[in-house]
Amino acid sequence: MNRIHSLSDVQTTNIGIDTFVWQFSIILKNAVIGNNCNINCHVFIENDVIIGDNVTIKPGVQIWDGLRIEDNVFIGPNVTFTNDRYPRSKKYPEEFQQTIIKKGASIGANATILGGITIGTNALIGAGSVVTKDVPANELWVGNPARKIKNIE
């Protein structure tokens, strides 16, 4: 059973079981969201988005077209994603950049993730980091621009 707050605007029917969507969130009609997810308040999810199972998205996050979020991912509050390398008002790219967040990755609060990159399996991104290139699996990255600090288990 899903719990979709009455003050949210959920247009998709592609939501798995036991997923919670909190108030003031907007999810567009073609988004796909897995089982047992927690979509906190003030989250916006566009159409060309796939979210796996057991994903937590904290408040103030926008999930733009082209994002792929695998199972067991944590996205901290106010994380910012991009999907257009050269954004201009009312001028859209032929295709938005695809960003992949692999299974078990965690992204700390207020991190910025540029479009077109992959964050590897079980990788950790520190709060406030700006990720400008692919992050390999099982690594901790922090800073601006983010860089590897150490391997993690």
N, C-alpha and C. Protein backbone atom coordinates (compact mmCIF):
# COMPACT_ATOMS: atom_id res chain seq x y z
N MET A 1 0.84 -1.19 0.00
CA MET A 1 0.00 0.00 0.00
C MET A 1 0.88 1.25 0.00
N ASN A 2 0.53 2.22 -0.81
CA ASN A 2 1.25 3.49 -0.86
C ASN A 2 0.55 4.51 0.02
N ARG A 3 1.34 5.45 0.49
CA ARG A 3 0.76 6.59 1.20
C ARG A 3 1.16 7.83 0.42
N ILE A 4 0.20 8.42 -0.25
CA ILE A 4 0.42 9.64 -1.02
C ILE A 4 -0.35 10.74 -0.32
N HIS A 5 0.38 11.71 0.20
CA HIS A 5 -0.23 12.79 0.96
C HIS A 5 -1.21 13.57 0.08
N SER A 6 -2.32 13.97 0.65
CA SER A 6 -3.35 14.68 -0.10
C SER A 6 -2.89 16.04 -0.61
N LEU A 7 -1.84 16.59 -0.03
CA LEU A 7 -1.32 17.88 -0.49
C LEU A 7 -0.17 17.74 -1.48
N SER A 8 0.02 16.55 -2.04
CA SER A 8 1.00 16.35 -3.10
C SER A 8 0.26 16.25 -4.44
N ASP A 9 0.98 16.41 -5.52
CA ASP A 9 0.42 16.31 -6.87
C ASP A 9 1.14 15.17 -7.58
N VAL A 10 0.58 13.98 -7.50
CA VAL A 10 1.20 12.78 -8.09
C VAL A 10 0.39 12.40 -9.32
N GLN A 11 1.01 12.58 -10.50
CA GLN A 11 0.33 12.31 -11.76
C GLN A 11 0.63 10.92 -12.30
N THR A 12 1.69 10.28 -11.83
CA THR A 12 2.05 8.95 -12.31
C THR A 12 1.28 7.87 -11.56
N THR A 13 1.09 6.77 -12.25
CA THR A 13 0.54 5.57 -11.60
C THR A 13 1.63 4.51 -11.46
N ASN A 14 2.85 4.86 -11.86
CA ASN A 14 3.98 3.93 -11.84
C ASN A 14 4.75 4.05 -10.53
N ILE A 15 4.08 3.76 -9.43
CA ILE A 15 4.71 3.82 -8.11
C ILE A 15 4.55 2.45 -7.45
N GLY A 16 5.68 1.91 -6.97
CA GLY A 16 5.67 0.60 -6.34
C GLY A 16 4.98 0.61 -4.99
N ILE A 17 4.84 -0.59 -4.42
CA ILE A 17 4.16 -0.73 -3.13
C ILE A 17 5.01 -0.18 -1.99
N ASP A 18 4.33 0.24 -0.94
CA ASP A 18 4.95 0.75 0.28
C ASP A 18 5.82 1.98 0.07
N THR A 19 5.54 2.75 -0.96
CA THR A 19 6.24 4.01 -1.20
C THR A 19 5.43 5.15 -0.59
N PHE A 20 6.12 6.04 0.10
CA PHE A 20 5.50 7.21 0.72
C PHE A 20 5.87 8.46 -0.07
N VAL A 21 4.87 9.30 -0.35
CA VAL A 21 5.09 10.60 -0.98
C VAL A 21 4.49 11.63 -0.04
N TRP A 22 5.33 12.54 0.43
CA TRP A 22 4.89 13.51 1.43
C TRP A 22 4.34 14.78 0.78
N GLN A 23 3.83 15.68 1.61
CA GLN A 23 3.14 16.87 1.14
C GLN A 23 4.03 17.78 0.30
N PHE A 24 3.36 18.50 -0.60
CA PHE A 24 3.96 19.52 -1.45
C PHE A 24 4.98 18.95 -2.43
N SER A 25 4.88 17.68 -2.74
CA SER A 25 5.72 17.07 -3.77
C SER A 25 4.94 16.98 -5.06
N ILE A 26 5.67 17.04 -6.19
CA ILE A 26 5.06 16.93 -7.50
C ILE A 26 5.80 15.83 -8.26
N ILE A 27 5.04 14.88 -8.79
CA ILE A 27 5.62 13.80 -9.58
C ILE A 27 4.86 13.74 -10.90
N LEU A 28 5.56 13.93 -12.02
CA LEU A 28 4.91 13.98 -13.33
C LEU A 28 4.53 12.59 -13.82
N LYS A 29 3.68 12.55 -14.85
CA LYS A 29 2.96 11.33 -15.23
C LYS A 29 3.81 10.17 -15.73
N ASN A 30 4.97 10.40 -16.30
CA ASN A 30 5.76 9.29 -16.85
C ASN A 30 6.87 8.81 -15.93
N ALA A 31 7.01 9.41 -14.76
CA ALA A 31 8.04 8.97 -13.81
C ALA A 31 7.73 7.56 -13.33
N VAL A 32 8.80 6.80 -13.07
CA VAL A 32 8.66 5.44 -12.54
C VAL A 32 9.40 5.40 -11.20
N ILE A 33 8.69 4.98 -10.15
CA ILE A 33 9.25 4.94 -8.80
C ILE A 33 9.02 3.54 -8.24
N GLY A 34 10.07 2.98 -7.64
CA GLY A 34 10.02 1.61 -7.15
C GLY A 34 9.29 1.44 -5.83
N ASN A 35 9.52 0.28 -5.24
CA ASN A 35 8.90 -0.12 -3.98
C ASN A 35 9.64 0.47 -2.79
N ASN A 36 8.90 0.69 -1.71
CA ASN A 36 9.47 1.06 -0.42
C ASN A 36 10.36 2.30 -0.47
N CYS A 37 9.96 3.28 -1.26
CA CYS A 37 10.71 4.54 -1.35
C CYS A 37 10.10 5.56 -0.39
N ASN A 38 10.88 6.56 -0.05
CA ASN A 38 10.44 7.65 0.80
C ASN A 38 10.74 8.95 0.08
N ILE A 39 9.72 9.55 -0.50
CA ILE A 39 9.84 10.81 -1.24
C ILE A 39 9.35 11.91 -0.30
N ASN A 40 10.28 12.65 0.27
CA ASN A 40 9.94 13.65 1.29
C ASN A 40 9.23 14.87 0.68
N CYS A 41 8.84 15.79 1.54
CA CYS A 41 8.13 16.98 1.10
C CYS A 41 9.01 17.86 0.20
N HIS A 42 8.34 18.64 -0.63
CA HIS A 42 9.00 19.61 -1.51
C HIS A 42 9.99 18.95 -2.47
N VAL A 43 9.61 17.81 -3.02
CA VAL A 43 10.41 17.12 -4.03
C VAL A 43 9.66 17.23 -5.36
N PHE A 44 10.41 17.50 -6.44
CA PHE A 44 9.84 17.57 -7.78
C PHE A 44 10.50 16.49 -8.63
N ILE A 45 9.68 15.66 -9.30
CA ILE A 45 10.21 14.58 -10.13
C ILE A 45 9.61 14.71 -11.52
N GLU A 46 10.49 14.88 -12.53
CA GLU A 46 10.03 15.04 -13.92
C GLU A 46 9.62 13.71 -14.54
N ASN A 47 9.38 13.72 -15.85
CA ASN A 47 8.83 12.58 -16.58
C ASN A 47 9.82 11.46 -16.88
N ASP A 48 10.96 11.78 -17.47
CA ASP A 48 11.92 10.77 -17.91
C ASP A 48 12.86 10.42 -16.76
N VAL A 49 12.27 9.83 -15.72
CA VAL A 49 12.98 9.51 -14.49
C VAL A 49 12.64 8.08 -14.10
N ILE A 50 13.66 7.33 -13.69
CA ILE A 50 13.44 6.00 -13.15
C ILE A 50 14.13 5.94 -11.79
N ILE A 51 13.35 5.58 -10.77
CA ILE A 51 13.85 5.47 -9.40
C ILE A 51 13.62 4.04 -8.94
N GLY A 52 14.66 3.40 -8.42
CA GLY A 52 14.59 2.01 -7.98
C GLY A 52 13.88 1.84 -6.66
N ASP A 53 14.12 0.68 -6.03
CA ASP A 53 13.51 0.34 -4.76
C ASP A 53 14.34 0.87 -3.59
N ASN A 54 13.66 1.11 -2.46
CA ASN A 54 14.32 1.49 -1.20
C ASN A 54 15.12 2.78 -1.30
N VAL A 55 14.65 3.72 -2.08
CA VAL A 55 15.32 5.01 -2.28
C VAL A 55 14.72 6.04 -1.34
N THR A 56 15.58 6.85 -0.72
CA THR A 56 15.14 7.97 0.10
C THR A 56 15.57 9.26 -0.57
N ILE A 57 14.61 10.16 -0.78
CA ILE A 57 14.89 11.49 -1.33
C ILE A 57 14.39 12.50 -0.31
N LYS A 58 15.33 13.23 0.28
CA LYS A 58 15.01 14.20 1.32
C LYS A 58 14.43 15.49 0.72
N PRO A 59 13.91 16.40 1.55
CA PRO A 59 13.24 17.60 1.06
C PRO A 59 14.12 18.51 0.19
N GLY A 60 13.44 19.20 -0.73
CA GLY A 60 14.09 20.24 -1.52
C GLY A 60 14.90 19.73 -2.70
N VAL A 61 14.60 18.54 -3.19
CA VAL A 61 15.36 17.94 -4.30
C VAL A 61 14.49 17.94 -5.55
N GLN A 62 15.11 18.27 -6.69
CA GLN A 62 14.44 18.17 -7.99
C GLN A 62 15.14 17.07 -8.79
N ILE A 63 14.34 16.12 -9.27
CA ILE A 63 14.85 15.00 -10.06
C ILE A 63 14.44 15.27 -11.51
N TRP A 64 15.39 15.71 -12.33
CA TRP A 64 15.11 16.17 -13.69
C TRP A 64 15.12 15.01 -14.68
N ASP A 65 14.55 15.27 -15.87
CA ASP A 65 14.57 14.28 -16.95
C ASP A 65 15.99 13.77 -17.16
N GLY A 66 16.09 12.45 -17.36
CA GLY A 66 17.39 11.82 -17.62
C GLY A 66 18.04 11.21 -16.40
N LEU A 67 17.46 11.36 -15.23
CA LEU A 67 18.06 10.76 -14.04
C LEU A 67 17.62 9.32 -13.87
N ARG A 68 18.58 8.49 -13.53
CA ARG A 68 18.34 7.07 -13.24
C ARG A 68 18.93 6.82 -11.85
N ILE A 69 18.08 6.45 -10.93
CA ILE A 69 18.50 6.23 -9.55
C ILE A 69 18.23 4.77 -9.22
N GLU A 70 19.28 4.02 -8.94
CA GLU A 70 19.13 2.60 -8.68
C GLU A 70 18.69 2.35 -7.24
N ASP A 71 18.61 1.07 -6.85
CA ASP A 71 18.11 0.67 -5.54
C ASP A 71 18.99 1.15 -4.39
N ASN A 72 18.35 1.36 -3.24
CA ASN A 72 19.03 1.64 -1.97
C ASN A 72 19.88 2.91 -1.97
N VAL A 73 19.46 3.90 -2.72
CA VAL A 73 20.18 5.17 -2.81
C VAL A 73 19.59 6.16 -1.81
N PHE A 74 20.46 6.97 -1.19
CA PHE A 74 20.05 8.05 -0.30
C PHE A 74 20.45 9.37 -0.96
N ILE A 75 19.48 10.29 -1.07
CA ILE A 75 19.74 11.63 -1.60
C ILE A 75 19.36 12.62 -0.52
N GLY A 76 20.36 13.33 0.00
CA GLY A 76 20.17 14.24 1.11
C GLY A 76 19.40 15.49 0.74
N PRO A 77 19.05 16.28 1.75
CA PRO A 77 18.25 17.48 1.51
C PRO A 77 18.96 18.48 0.61
N ASN A 78 18.17 19.07 -0.28
CA ASN A 78 18.62 20.16 -1.16
C ASN A 78 19.76 19.78 -2.10
N VAL A 79 19.89 18.49 -2.42
CA VAL A 79 20.84 18.09 -3.46
C VAL A 79 20.34 18.66 -4.78
N THR A 80 21.27 19.15 -5.60
CA THR A 80 20.93 19.74 -6.89
C THR A 80 21.51 18.89 -8.01
N PHE A 81 20.65 18.51 -8.95
CA PHE A 81 21.06 17.80 -10.15
C PHE A 81 20.91 18.74 -11.34
N THR A 82 21.74 18.55 -12.37
CA THR A 82 21.57 19.27 -13.62
C THR A 82 21.44 18.25 -14.75
N ASN A 83 20.91 18.67 -15.89
CA ASN A 83 20.77 17.75 -17.01
C ASN A 83 20.98 18.42 -18.37
N ASP A 84 21.51 19.63 -18.37
CA ASP A 84 21.72 20.38 -19.61
C ASP A 84 23.03 21.15 -19.46
N ARG A 85 24.01 20.78 -20.27
CA ARG A 85 25.34 21.39 -20.16
C ARG A 85 25.33 22.89 -20.47
N TYR A 86 24.47 23.32 -21.40
CA TYR A 86 24.42 24.72 -21.81
C TYR A 86 22.99 25.24 -21.73
N PRO A 87 22.44 25.40 -20.54
CA PRO A 87 21.03 25.79 -20.43
C PRO A 87 20.77 27.21 -20.89
N ARG A 88 19.67 27.36 -21.61
CA ARG A 88 19.18 28.66 -22.05
C ARG A 88 17.67 28.66 -21.89
N SER A 89 17.12 29.80 -21.56
CA SER A 89 15.68 29.91 -21.40
C SER A 89 14.96 29.62 -22.72
N LYS A 90 14.00 28.71 -22.65
CA LYS A 90 13.14 28.35 -23.79
C LYS A 90 13.90 27.71 -24.95
N LYS A 91 15.14 27.25 -24.73
CA LYS A 91 15.92 26.53 -25.74
C LYS A 91 16.33 25.20 -25.12
N TYR A 92 15.76 24.12 -25.65
CA TYR A 92 15.96 22.81 -25.04
C TYR A 92 16.91 21.97 -25.90
N PRO A 93 17.73 21.17 -25.26
CA PRO A 93 18.63 20.30 -26.03
C PRO A 93 17.82 19.21 -26.75
N GLU A 94 18.40 18.62 -27.78
CA GLU A 94 17.73 17.51 -28.45
C GLU A 94 17.51 16.36 -27.48
N GLU A 95 18.44 16.21 -26.55
CA GLU A 95 18.33 15.16 -25.55
C GLU A 95 18.99 15.66 -24.27
N PHE A 96 18.31 15.43 -23.13
CA PHE A 96 18.90 15.81 -21.86
C PHE A 96 20.00 14.82 -21.47
N GLN A 97 20.98 15.30 -20.73
CA GLN A 97 22.05 14.44 -20.25
C GLN A 97 21.47 13.39 -19.30
N GLN A 98 22.04 12.19 -19.36
CA GLN A 98 21.61 11.13 -18.45
C GLN A 98 22.61 11.02 -17.31
N THR A 99 22.10 11.05 -16.10
CA THR A 99 22.90 10.89 -14.90
C THR A 99 22.45 9.62 -14.21
N ILE A 100 23.42 8.79 -13.79
CA ILE A 100 23.11 7.51 -13.16
C ILE A 100 23.69 7.49 -11.76
N ILE A 101 22.82 7.20 -10.79
CA ILE A 101 23.25 7.03 -9.40
C ILE A 101 23.11 5.53 -9.12
N LYS A 102 24.24 4.85 -8.96
CA LYS A 102 24.25 3.40 -8.84
C LYS A 102 23.81 2.93 -7.45
N LYS A 103 23.51 1.66 -7.39
CA LYS A 103 22.98 1.00 -6.19
C LYS A 103 23.80 1.32 -4.94
N GLY A 104 23.09 1.70 -3.87
CA GLY A 104 23.71 1.91 -2.57
C GLY A 104 24.47 3.20 -2.38
N ALA A 105 24.49 4.08 -3.39
CA ALA A 105 25.21 5.35 -3.26
C ALA A 105 24.46 6.29 -2.32
N SER A 106 25.20 7.21 -1.69
CA SER A 106 24.61 8.23 -0.82
C SER A 106 25.19 9.58 -1.19
N ILE A 107 24.31 10.58 -1.26
CA ILE A 107 24.70 11.94 -1.63
C ILE A 107 24.31 12.86 -0.49
N GLY A 108 25.30 13.56 0.09
CA GLY A 108 25.06 14.43 1.23
C GLY A 108 24.34 15.71 0.88
N ALA A 109 23.81 16.36 1.89
CA ALA A 109 23.02 17.58 1.75
C ALA A 109 23.75 18.66 0.96
N ASN A 110 23.00 19.33 0.12
CA ASN A 110 23.47 20.48 -0.66
C ASN A 110 24.57 20.18 -1.67
N ALA A 111 24.79 18.91 -1.98
CA ALA A 111 25.74 18.58 -3.04
C ALA A 111 25.13 18.96 -4.38
N THR A 112 25.99 19.25 -5.36
CA THR A 112 25.56 19.52 -6.73
C THR A 112 26.17 18.45 -7.63
N ILE A 113 25.31 17.83 -8.43
CA ILE A 113 25.73 16.75 -9.31
C ILE A 113 25.50 17.22 -10.75
N LEU A 114 26.59 17.45 -11.49
CA LEU A 114 26.44 17.89 -12.87
C LEU A 114 25.90 16.76 -13.74
N GLY A 115 25.26 17.12 -14.84
CA GLY A 115 24.63 16.14 -15.72
C GLY A 115 25.63 15.28 -16.46
N GLY A 116 25.16 14.08 -16.84
CA GLY A 116 25.94 13.21 -17.69
C GLY A 116 26.99 12.37 -16.97
N ILE A 117 26.92 12.29 -15.66
CA ILE A 117 27.93 11.51 -14.94
C ILE A 117 27.28 10.30 -14.28
N THR A 118 28.15 9.41 -13.79
CA THR A 118 27.71 8.24 -13.05
C THR A 118 28.37 8.27 -11.67
N ILE A 119 27.56 8.06 -10.65
CA ILE A 119 28.08 7.90 -9.30
C ILE A 119 28.00 6.41 -9.01
N GLY A 120 29.15 5.81 -8.73
CA GLY A 120 29.28 4.37 -8.64
C GLY A 120 28.59 3.73 -7.45
N THR A 121 28.50 2.40 -7.51
CA THR A 121 27.89 1.59 -6.48
C THR A 121 28.52 1.88 -5.12
N ASN A 122 27.68 2.14 -4.12
CA ASN A 122 28.09 2.39 -2.73
C ASN A 122 28.99 3.61 -2.53
N ALA A 123 29.12 4.46 -3.53
CA ALA A 123 29.92 5.68 -3.38
C ALA A 123 29.24 6.63 -2.40
N LEU A 124 30.05 7.46 -1.74
CA LEU A 124 29.55 8.50 -0.84
C LEU A 124 30.01 9.85 -1.33
N ILE A 125 29.07 10.80 -1.41
CA ILE A 125 29.38 12.17 -1.80
C ILE A 125 29.14 13.05 -0.58
N GLY A 126 30.16 13.78 -0.15
CA GLY A 126 30.05 14.61 1.04
C GLY A 126 29.14 15.80 0.84
N ALA A 127 28.58 16.28 1.93
CA ALA A 127 27.68 17.43 1.91
C ALA A 127 28.37 18.64 1.28
N GLY A 128 27.65 19.33 0.43
CA GLY A 128 28.15 20.55 -0.20
C GLY A 128 29.12 20.34 -1.34
N SER A 129 29.41 19.11 -1.69
CA SER A 129 30.36 18.82 -2.77
C SER A 129 29.77 19.17 -4.13
N VAL A 130 30.65 19.47 -5.09
CA VAL A 130 30.25 19.71 -6.47
C VAL A 130 30.91 18.63 -7.32
N VAL A 131 30.09 17.70 -7.82
CA VAL A 131 30.61 16.55 -8.56
C VAL A 131 30.58 16.87 -10.04
N THR A 132 31.77 16.89 -10.67
CA THR A 132 31.91 17.29 -12.06
C THR A 132 32.33 16.15 -12.98
N LYS A 133 32.62 14.98 -12.41
CA LYS A 133 33.02 13.83 -13.23
C LYS A 133 32.59 12.54 -12.54
N ASP A 134 32.69 11.44 -13.26
CA ASP A 134 32.26 10.14 -12.74
C ASP A 134 32.98 9.81 -11.44
N VAL A 135 32.23 9.19 -10.52
CA VAL A 135 32.75 8.76 -9.23
C VAL A 135 32.74 7.23 -9.22
N PRO A 136 33.91 6.59 -9.08
CA PRO A 136 33.94 5.13 -9.06
C PRO A 136 33.24 4.54 -7.85
N ALA A 137 32.95 3.26 -7.92
CA ALA A 137 32.30 2.54 -6.83
C ALA A 137 33.17 2.57 -5.58
N ASN A 138 32.50 2.58 -4.43
CA ASN A 138 33.16 2.42 -3.13
C ASN A 138 34.22 3.47 -2.83
N GLU A 139 33.94 4.71 -3.22
CA GLU A 139 34.85 5.81 -2.91
C GLU A 139 34.09 6.95 -2.23
N LEU A 140 34.77 7.67 -1.35
CA LEU A 140 34.25 8.88 -0.72
C LEU A 140 34.84 10.08 -1.45
N TRP A 141 33.96 10.96 -1.95
CA TRP A 141 34.39 12.16 -2.64
C TRP A 141 33.81 13.37 -1.91
N VAL A 142 34.64 14.43 -1.76
CA VAL A 142 34.18 15.68 -1.13
C VAL A 142 34.86 16.87 -1.81
N GLY A 143 34.27 18.05 -1.60
CA GLY A 143 34.91 19.29 -2.03
C GLY A 143 34.30 19.90 -3.27
N ASN A 144 34.92 21.01 -3.70
CA ASN A 144 34.51 21.74 -4.89
C ASN A 144 35.75 22.14 -5.70
N PRO A 145 36.01 21.46 -6.82
CA PRO A 145 35.28 20.29 -7.30
C PRO A 145 35.56 19.07 -6.41
N ALA A 146 34.60 18.15 -6.39
CA ALA A 146 34.76 16.96 -5.56
C ALA A 146 35.95 16.13 -6.04
N ARG A 147 36.62 15.54 -5.07
CA ARG A 147 37.76 14.66 -5.37
C ARG A 147 37.75 13.50 -4.39
N LYS A 148 38.44 12.47 -4.77
CA LYS A 148 38.49 11.27 -3.94
C LYS A 148 39.25 11.55 -2.65
N ILE A 149 38.66 11.11 -1.54
CA ILE A 149 39.30 11.20 -0.24
C ILE A 149 39.87 9.84 0.17
N LYS A 150 39.03 8.79 -0.02
CA LYS A 150 39.49 7.46 0.34
C LYS A 150 38.56 6.41 -0.23
N ASN A 151 39.00 5.18 -0.20
CA ASN A 151 38.15 4.03 -0.53
C ASN A 151 37.31 3.71 0.69
N ILE A 152 36.11 3.20 0.46
CA ILE A 152 35.23 2.79 1.56
C ILE A 152 34.75 1.38 1.29
N GLU A 153 34.31 0.73 2.35
CA GLU A 153 33.82 -0.65 2.19
C GLU A 153 32.34 -0.66 1.95
